[in-house]
PDB file of N, CA and C in Angstrom:
ATOM      1  N   MET A   1     -42.513 115.848 202.849  1.00  0.00           N
ATOM      2  CA  MET A   1     -43.583 116.655 202.284  1.00  0.00           C
ATOM      3  C   MET A   1     -43.158 117.402 201.039  1.00  0.00           C
ATOM      4  N   LYS A   2     -41.965 118.011 201.104  1.00  0.00           N
ATOM      5  CA  LYS A   2     -41.456 118.714 199.994  1.00  0.00           C
ATOM      6  C   LYS A   2     -41.305 117.802 198.789  1.00  0.00           C
ATOM      7  N   SER A   3     -40.844 116.616 199.035  1.00  0.00           N
ATOM      8  CA  SER A   3     -40.625 115.603 197.965  1.00  0.00           C
ATOM      9  C   SER A   3     -41.977 115.298 197.299  1.00  0.00           C
ATOM     10  N   THR A   4     -43.022 115.157 198.035  1.00  0.00           N
ATOM     11  CA  THR A   4     -44.336 114.805 197.445  1.00  0.00           C
ATOM     12  C   THR A   4     -44.848 116.014 196.629  1.00  0.00           C
ATOM     13  N   LYS A   5     -44.670 117.192 197.150  1.00  0.00           N
ATOM     14  CA  LYS A   5     -45.178 118.409 196.418  1.00  0.00           C
ATOM     15  C   LYS A   5     -44.333 118.556 195.100  1.00  0.00           C
ATOM     16  N   GLY A   6     -43.083 118.291 195.211  1.00  0.00           N
ATOM     17  CA  GLY A   6     -42.206 118.359 194.019  1.00  0.00           C
ATOM     18  C   GLY A   6     -42.635 117.336 192.976  1.00  0.00           C
ATOM     19  N   LYS A   7     -42.934 116.127 193.463  1.00  0.00           N
ATOM     20  CA  LYS A   7     -43.349 115.081 192.535  1.00  0.00           C
ATOM     21  C   LYS A   7     -44.691 115.434 191.886  1.00  0.00           C
ATOM     22  N   LEU A   8     -45.587 115.986 192.669  1.00  0.00           N
ATOM     23  CA  LEU A   8     -46.896 116.392 192.153  1.00  0.00           C
ATOM     24  C   LEU A   8     -46.739 117.523 191.120  1.00  0.00           C
ATOM     25  N   ARG A   9     -45.902 118.498 191.396  1.00  0.00           N
ATOM     26  CA  ARG A   9     -45.658 119.574 190.481  1.00  0.00           C
ATOM     27  C   ARG A   9     -45.053 119.054 189.189  1.00  0.00           C
ATOM     28  N   GLN A  10     -44.116 118.116 189.353  1.00  0.00           N
ATOM     29  CA  GLN A  10     -43.487 117.511 188.150  1.00  0.00           C
ATOM     30  C   GLN A  10     -44.524 116.745 187.338  1.00  0.00           C
ATOM     31  N   ALA A  11     -45.398 116.023 188.011  1.00  0.00           N
ATOM     32  CA  ALA A  11     -46.432 115.242 187.308  1.00  0.00           C
ATOM     33  C   ALA A  11     -47.402 116.202 186.553  1.00  0.00           C
ATOM     34  N   ILE A  12     -47.722 117.313 187.189  1.00  0.00           N
ATOM     35  CA  ILE A  12     -48.598 118.275 186.514  1.00  0.00           C
ATOM     36  C   ILE A  12     -47.942 118.872 185.329  1.00  0.00           C
ATOM     37  N   GLU A  13     -46.652 119.242 185.447  1.00  0.00           N
ATOM     38  CA  GLU A  13     -45.876 119.774 184.333  1.00  0.00           C
ATOM     39  C   GLU A  13     -45.806 118.745 183.199  1.00  0.00           C
ATOM     40  N   SER A  14     -45.579 117.506 183.577  1.00  0.00           N
ATOM     41  CA  SER A  14     -45.477 116.442 182.597  1.00  0.00           C
ATOM     42  C   SER A  14     -46.828 116.282 181.857  1.00  0.00           C
ATOM     43  N   GLN A  15     -47.926 116.326 182.617  1.00  0.00           N
ATOM     44  CA  GLN A  15     -49.253 116.200 182.032  1.00  0.00           C
ATOM     45  C   GLN A  15     -49.539 117.370 181.098  1.00  0.00           C
ATOM     46  N   ASP A  16     -49.168 118.554 181.483  1.00  0.00           N
ATOM     47  CA  ASP A  16     -49.360 119.717 180.648  1.00  0.00           C
ATOM     48  C   ASP A  16     -48.553 119.585 179.354  1.00  0.00           C
ATOM     49  N   HIS A  17     -47.346 119.128 179.501  1.00  0.00           N
ATOM     50  CA  HIS A  17     -46.486 118.883 178.314  1.00  0.00           C
ATOM     51  C   HIS A  17     -47.141 117.873 177.386  1.00  0.00           C
ATOM     52  N   ALA A  18     -47.683 116.781 177.958  1.00  0.00           N
ATOM     53  CA  ALA A  18     -48.306 115.736 177.156  1.00  0.00           C
ATOM     54  C   ALA A  18     -49.535 116.298 176.419  1.00  0.00           C
ATOM     55  N   ARG A  19     -50.312 117.109 177.130  1.00  0.00           N
ATOM     56  CA  ARG A  19     -51.497 117.738 176.465  1.00  0.00           C
ATOM     57  C   ARG A  19     -51.072 118.599 175.296  1.00  0.00           C
ATOM     58  N   GLY A  20     -50.019 119.352 175.528  1.00  0.00           N
ATOM     59  CA  GLY A  20     -49.510 120.237 174.456  1.00  0.00           C
ATOM     60  C   GLY A  20     -49.020 119.383 173.246  1.00  0.00           C
ATOM     61  N   THR A  21     -48.301 118.307 173.582  1.00  0.00           N
ATOM     62  CA  THR A  21     -47.836 117.431 172.497  1.00  0.00           C
ATOM     63  C   THR A  21     -48.992 116.797 171.801  1.00  0.00           C
ATOM     64  N   GLU A  22     -50.021 116.372 172.554  1.00  0.00           N
ATOM     65  CA  GLU A  22     -51.205 115.778 171.918  1.00  0.00           C
ATOM     66  C   GLU A  22     -51.910 116.762 171.007  1.00  0.00           C
ATOM     67  N   ALA A  23     -52.031 118.009 171.498  1.00  0.00           N
ATOM     68  CA  ALA A  23     -52.719 118.997 170.669  1.00  0.00           C
ATOM     69  C   ALA A  23     -51.893 119.299 169.416  1.00  0.00           C
ATOM     70  N   SER A  24     -50.575 119.309 169.559  1.00  0.00           N
ATOM     71  CA  SER A  24     -49.762 119.518 168.377  1.00  0.00           C
ATOM     72  C   SER A  24     -49.891 118.389 167.389  1.00  0.00           C
ATOM     73  N   LEU A  25     -49.957 117.123 167.866  1.00  0.00           N
ATOM     74  CA  LEU A  25     -50.140 115.990 167.001  1.00  0.00           C
ATOM     75  C   LEU A  25     -51.493 116.056 166.302  1.00  0.00           C
ATOM     76  N   VAL A  26     -52.542 116.403 167.024  1.00  0.00           N
ATOM     77  CA  VAL A  26     -53.857 116.517 166.442  1.00  0.00           C
ATOM     78  C   VAL A  26     -53.869 117.558 165.330  1.00  0.00           C
ATOM     79  N   SER A  27     -53.235 118.653 165.597  1.00  0.00           N
ATOM     80  CA  SER A  27     -53.115 119.731 164.583  1.00  0.00           C
ATOM     81  C   SER A  27     -52.378 119.200 163.311  1.00  0.00           C
ATOM     82  N   GLU A  28     -51.266 118.512 163.566  1.00  0.00           N
ATOM     83  CA  GLU A  28     -50.485 117.947 162.432  1.00  0.00           C
ATOM     84  C   GLU A  28     -51.258 116.925 161.682  1.00  0.00           C
ATOM     85  N   VAL A  29     -52.051 116.103 162.357  1.00  0.00           N
ATOM     86  CA  VAL A  29     -52.860 115.140 161.656  1.00  0.00           C
ATOM     87  C   VAL A  29     -53.910 115.826 160.775  1.00  0.00           C
ATOM     88  N   LYS A  30     -54.457 116.906 161.279  1.00  0.00           N
ATOM     89  CA  LYS A  30     -55.456 117.611 160.496  1.00  0.00           C
ATOM     90  C   LYS A  30     -54.817 118.181 159.216  1.00  0.00           C
ATOM     91  N   VAL A  31     -53.632 118.741 159.357  1.00  0.00           N
ATOM     92  CA  VAL A  31     -52.911 119.217 158.166  1.00  0.00           C
ATOM     93  C   VAL A  31     -52.605 118.145 157.219  1.00  0.00           C
ATOM     94  N   LEU A  32     -52.129 117.004 157.702  1.00  0.00           N
ATOM     95  CA  LEU A  32     -51.838 115.887 156.824  1.00  0.00           C
ATOM     96  C   LEU A  32     -53.044 115.355 156.110  1.00  0.00           C
ATOM     97  N   LYS A  33     -54.193 115.348 156.771  1.00  0.00           N
ATOM     98  CA  LYS A  33     -55.419 114.902 156.161  1.00  0.00           C
ATOM     99  C   LYS A  33     -55.807 115.878 155.060  1.00  0.00           C
ATOM    100  N   ARG A  34     -55.613 117.170 155.273  1.00  0.00           N
ATOM    101  CA  ARG A  34     -55.936 118.175 154.207  1.00  0.00           C
ATOM    102  C   ARG A  34     -55.023 117.952 153.015  1.00  0.00           C
ATOM    103  N   TYR A  35     -53.750 117.703 153.285  1.00  0.00           N
ATOM    104  CA  TYR A  35     -52.804 117.413 152.140  1.00  0.00           C
ATOM    105  C   TYR A  35     -53.235 116.159 151.401  1.00  0.00           C
ATOM    106  N   LEU A  36     -53.613 115.110 152.150  1.00  0.00           N
ATOM    107  CA  LEU A  36     -53.982 113.866 151.525  1.00  0.00           C
ATOM    108  C   LEU A  36     -55.222 114.091 150.651  1.00  0.00           C
ATOM    109  N   LYS A  37     -56.151 114.831 151.154  1.00  0.00           N
ATOM    110  CA  LYS A  37     -57.388 115.097 150.357  1.00  0.00           C
ATOM    111  C   LYS A  37     -57.037 115.870 149.119  1.00  0.00           C
ATOM    112  N   ALA A  38     -56.147 116.867 149.216  1.00  0.00           N
ATOM    113  CA  ALA A  38     -55.767 117.629 147.995  1.00  0.00           C
ATOM    114  C   ALA A  38     -55.066 116.749 146.991  1.00  0.00           C
ATOM    115  N   ILE A  39     -54.173 115.921 147.444  1.00  0.00           N
ATOM    116  CA  ILE A  39     -53.473 115.019 146.551  1.00  0.00           C
ATOM    117  C   ILE A  39     -54.456 114.007 145.898  1.00  0.00           C
ATOM    118  N   THR A  40     -55.323 113.496 146.702  1.00  0.00           N
ATOM    119  CA  THR A  40     -56.329 112.526 146.179  1.00  0.00           C
ATOM    120  C   THR A  40     -57.204 113.177 145.129  1.00  0.00           C
ATOM    121  N   ASN A  41     -57.655 114.406 145.389  1.00  0.00           N
ATOM    122  CA  ASN A  41     -58.514 115.122 144.439  1.00  0.00           C
ATOM    123  C   ASN A  41     -57.736 115.363 143.136  1.00  0.00           C
ATOM    124  N   PHE A  42     -56.476 115.731 143.270  1.00  0.00           N
ATOM    125  CA  PHE A  42     -55.617 116.046 142.067  1.00  0.00           C
ATOM    126  C   PHE A  42     -55.521 114.763 141.225  1.00  0.00           C
ATOM    127  N   PHE A  43     -55.264 113.661 141.856  1.00  0.00           N
ATOM    128  CA  PHE A  43     -55.089 112.397 141.062  1.00  0.00           C
ATOM    129  C   PHE A  43     -56.457 111.925 140.519  1.00  0.00           C
ATOM    130  N   ASP A  44     -57.513 112.120 141.260  1.00  0.00           N
ATOM    131  CA  ASP A  44     -58.831 111.751 140.723  1.00  0.00           C
ATOM    132  C   ASP A  44     -59.160 112.575 139.489  1.00  0.00           C
ATOM    133  N   GLU A  45     -58.864 113.850 139.501  1.00  0.00           N
ATOM    134  CA  GLU A  45     -59.136 114.693 138.355  1.00  0.00           C
ATOM    135  C   GLU A  45     -58.225 114.267 137.182  1.00  0.00           C
ATOM    136  N   ARG A  46     -57.019 113.962 137.464  1.00  0.00           N
ATOM    137  CA  ARG A  46     -56.046 113.563 136.412  1.00  0.00           C
ATOM    138  C   ARG A  46     -56.497 112.211 135.777  1.00  0.00           C
ATOM    139  N   LEU A  47     -56.937 111.278 136.636  1.00  0.00           N
ATOM    140  CA  LEU A  47     -57.426 110.008 136.088  1.00  0.00           C
ATOM    141  C   LEU A  47     -58.648 110.171 135.254  1.00  0.00           C
ATOM    142  N   GLU A  48     -59.549 111.009 135.687  1.00  0.00           N
ATOM    143  CA  GLU A  48     -60.770 111.319 134.946  1.00  0.00           C
ATOM    144  C   GLU A  48     -60.464 111.898 133.541  1.00  0.00           C
ATOM    145  N   HIS A  49     -59.485 112.785 133.553  1.00  0.00           N
ATOM    146  CA  HIS A  49     -59.009 113.422 132.263  1.00  0.00           C
ATOM    147  C   HIS A  49     -58.425 112.347 131.344  1.00  0.00           C
ATOM    148  N   GLN A  50     -57.604 111.513 131.917  1.00  0.00           N
ATOM    149  CA  GLN A  50     -56.962 110.438 131.129  1.00  0.00           C
ATOM    150  C   GLN A  50     -58.003 109.486 130.569  1.00  0.00           C
ATOM    151  N   ARG A  51     -59.006 109.149 131.414  1.00  0.00           N
ATOM    152  CA  ARG A  51     -60.092 108.237 131.002  1.00  0.00           C
ATOM    153  C   ARG A  51     -60.894 108.843 129.815  1.00  0.00           C
ATOM    154  N   SER A  52     -61.246 110.075 129.952  1.00  0.00           N
ATOM    155  CA  SER A  52     -62.034 110.719 128.889  1.00  0.00           C
ATOM    156  C   SER A  52     -61.207 110.836 127.623  1.00  0.00           C
ATOM    157  N   LYS A  53     -59.951 111.125 127.766  1.00  0.00           N
ATOM    158  CA  LYS A  53     -59.067 111.221 126.584  1.00  0.00           C
ATOM    159  C   LYS A  53     -58.948 109.839 125.901  1.00  0.00           C
ATOM    160  N   GLN A  54     -58.818 108.792 126.695  1.00  0.00           N
ATOM    161  CA  GLN A  54     -58.674 107.440 126.188  1.00  0.00           C
ATOM    162  C   GLN A  54     -59.979 107.009 125.462  1.00  0.00           C
ATOM    163  N   GLU A  55     -61.098 107.399 126.052  1.00  0.00           N
ATOM    164  CA  GLU A  55     -62.422 107.097 125.369  1.00  0.00           C
ATOM    165  C   GLU A  55     -62.456 107.714 123.991  1.00  0.00           C
ATOM    166  N   LEU A  56     -61.926 108.936 123.831  1.00  0.00           N
ATOM    167  CA  LEU A  56     -61.917 109.614 122.549  1.00  0.00           C
ATOM    168  C   LEU A  56     -61.069 108.825 121.559  1.00  0.00           C
ATOM    169  N   VAL A  57     -59.901 108.304 122.016  1.00  0.00           N
ATOM    170  CA  VAL A  57     -59.006 107.530 121.226  1.00  0.00           C
ATOM    171  C   VAL A  57     -59.711 106.208 120.748  1.00  0.00           C
ATOM    172  N   TRP A  58     -60.365 105.559 121.736  1.00  0.00           N
ATOM    173  CA  TRP A  58     -61.023 104.295 121.380  1.00  0.00           C
ATOM    174  C   TRP A  58     -62.175 104.541 120.405  1.00  0.00           C
ATOM    175  N   ALA A  59     -62.921 105.581 120.616  1.00  0.00           N
ATOM    176  CA  ALA A  59     -63.995 105.902 119.676  1.00  0.00           C
ATOM    177  C   ALA A  59     -63.495 106.136 118.285  1.00  0.00           C
ATOM    178  N   ALA A  60     -62.386 106.831 118.119  1.00  0.00           N
ATOM    179  CA  ALA A  60     -61.781 107.088 116.822  1.00  0.00           C
ATOM    180  C   ALA A  60     -61.311 105.774 116.183  1.00  0.00           C
ATOM    181  N   LYS A  61     -60.664 104.898 116.971  1.00  0.00           N
ATOM    182  CA  LYS A  61     -60.215 103.634 116.472  1.00  0.00           C
ATOM    183  C   LYS A  61     -61.420 102.748 116.043  1.00  0.00           C
ATOM    184  N   LEU A  62     -62.434 102.770 116.827  1.00  0.00           N
ATOM    185  CA  LEU A  62     -63.640 101.995 116.497  1.00  0.00           C
ATOM    186  C   LEU A  62     -64.271 102.489 115.228  1.00  0.00           C
ATOM    187  N   ALA A  63     -64.355 103.789 115.067  1.00  0.00           N
ATOM    188  CA  ALA A  63     -64.924 104.347 113.821  1.00  0.00           C
ATOM    189  C   ALA A  63     -64.074 103.985 112.618  1.00  0.00           C
ATOM    190  N   ALA A  64     -62.738 103.972 112.767  1.00  0.00           N
ATOM    191  CA  ALA A  64     -61.858 103.575 111.676  1.00  0.00           C
ATOM    192  C   ALA A  64     -62.074 102.105 111.296  1.00  0.00           C
ATOM    193  N   LYS A  65     -62.262 101.256 112.284  1.00  0.00           N
ATOM    194  CA  LYS A  65     -62.533  99.806 112.030  1.00  0.00           C
ATOM    195  C   LYS A  65     -63.853  99.649 111.316  1.00  0.00           C
ATOM    196  N   VAL A  66     -64.880 100.374 111.721  1.00  0.00           N
ATOM    197  CA  VAL A  66     -66.194 100.300 111.079  1.00  0.00           C
ATOM    198  C   VAL A  66     -66.079 100.765 109.611  1.00  0.00           C
ATOM    199  N   ARG A  67     -65.317 101.817 109.384  1.00  0.00           N
ATOM    200  CA  ARG A  67     -65.210 102.311 107.967  1.00  0.00           C
ATOM    201  C   ARG A  67     -64.419 101.259 107.151  1.00  0.00           C
ATOM    202  N   GLU A  68     -63.438 100.585 107.740  1.00  0.00           N
ATOM    203  CA  GLU A  68     -62.655  99.532 107.014  1.00  0.00           C
ATOM    204  C   GLU A  68     -63.615  98.425 106.622  1.00  0.00           C
ATOM    205  N   LYS A  69     -64.460  98.007 107.526  1.00  0.00           N
ATOM    206  CA  LYS A  69     -65.382  96.877 107.273  1.00  0.00           C
ATOM    207  C   LYS A  69     -66.418  97.240 106.184  1.00  0.00           C
ATOM    208  N   GLU A  70     -66.823  98.505 106.173  1.00  0.00           N
ATOM    209  CA  GLU A  70     -67.797  98.968 105.234  1.00  0.00           C
ATOM    210  C   GLU A  70     -67.219  99.041 103.802  1.00  0.00           C
ATOM    211  N   GLU A  71     -65.904  99.246 103.679  1.00  0.00           N
ATOM    212  CA  GLU A  71     -65.308  99.328 102.366  1.00  0.00           C
ATOM    213  C   GLU A  71     -65.079  98.030 101.751  1.00  0.00           C
TER     214      GLU A  71
END
Protein backbone atom coordinates (compact mmCIF):
# COMPACT_ATOMS: atom_id res chain seq x y z
CA MET A 1 0.00 0.00 0.00
CA LYS A 2 2.80 2.41 0.87
CA SER A 3 4.46 1.65 -2.41
CA THR A 4 1.32 2.53 -4.37
CA LYS A 5 0.82 5.78 -2.44
CA GLY A 6 4.45 6.67 -3.03
CA LYS A 7 4.14 5.98 -6.74
CA LEU A 8 0.96 8.06 -6.93
CA ARG A 9 2.61 10.93 -5.09
CA GLN A 10 5.62 10.70 -7.39
CA ALA A 11 3.34 10.67 -10.45
CA ILE A 12 1.51 13.77 -9.18
CA GLU A 13 4.80 15.57 -8.55
CA SER A 14 6.02 14.58 -11.99
CA GLN A 15 2.79 15.85 -13.55
CA ASP A 16 3.06 19.14 -11.66
CA HIS A 17 6.65 19.49 -12.85
CA ALA A 18 5.56 18.80 -16.44
CA ARG A 19 2.84 21.44 -16.18
CA GLY A 20 5.35 23.94 -14.86
CA THR A 21 7.77 23.09 -17.66
CA GLU A 22 5.00 23.38 -20.25
CA ALA A 23 3.93 26.76 -18.87
CA SER A 24 7.54 27.90 -18.96
CA LEU A 25 7.88 26.79 -22.58
CA VAL A 26 4.64 28.53 -23.55
CA SER A 27 5.92 31.72 -21.97
CA GLU A 28 9.25 31.38 -23.77
CA VAL A 29 7.50 30.80 -27.10
CA LYS A 30 5.46 33.98 -26.58
CA VAL A 31 8.64 35.96 -25.91
CA LEU A 32 10.34 34.49 -28.97
CA LYS A 33 7.31 35.33 -31.12
CA ARG A 34 7.48 38.94 -29.88
CA TYR A 35 11.19 39.09 -30.76
CA LEU A 36 10.51 37.61 -34.19
CA LYS A 37 7.78 40.17 -34.84
CA ALA A 38 10.08 43.03 -33.80
CA ILE A 39 12.89 41.77 -36.02
CA THR A 40 10.51 41.25 -38.95
CA ASN A 41 9.09 44.76 -38.55
CA PHE A 42 12.60 46.23 -38.41
CA PHE A 43 13.65 44.50 -41.62
CA ASP A 44 10.38 45.36 -43.37
CA GLU A 45 10.92 49.04 -42.55
CA ARG A 46 14.53 48.84 -43.68
CA LEU A 47 13.60 47.18 -46.97
CA GLU A 48 10.89 49.77 -47.59
CA HIS A 49 13.43 52.55 -46.98
CA GLN A 50 15.92 50.92 -49.37
CA ARG A 51 13.21 50.47 -52.01
CA SER A 52 12.13 54.10 -51.85
CA LYS A 53 15.76 55.25 -51.96
CA GLN A 54 16.41 53.04 -54.99
CA GLU A 55 13.33 54.42 -56.74
CA LEU A 56 14.79 57.92 -56.36
CA VAL A 57 18.08 56.76 -57.87
CA TRP A 58 16.28 55.12 -60.81
CA ALA A 59 14.15 58.20 -61.38
CA ALA A 60 17.27 60.39 -61.50
CA LYS A 61 18.99 58.01 -63.93
CA LEU A 62 15.90 57.89 -66.14
CA ALA A 63 15.67 61.68 -66.18
CA ALA A 64 19.36 61.88 -67.17
CA LYS A 65 18.78 59.42 -70.04
CA VAL A 66 15.78 61.41 -71.25
CA ARG A 67 17.83 64.63 -71.20
CA GLU A 68 20.62 62.89 -73.17
CA LYS A 69 18.15 61.76 -75.84
CA GLU A 70 16.64 65.23 -76.10
CA GLU A 71 20.04 66.82 -76.75
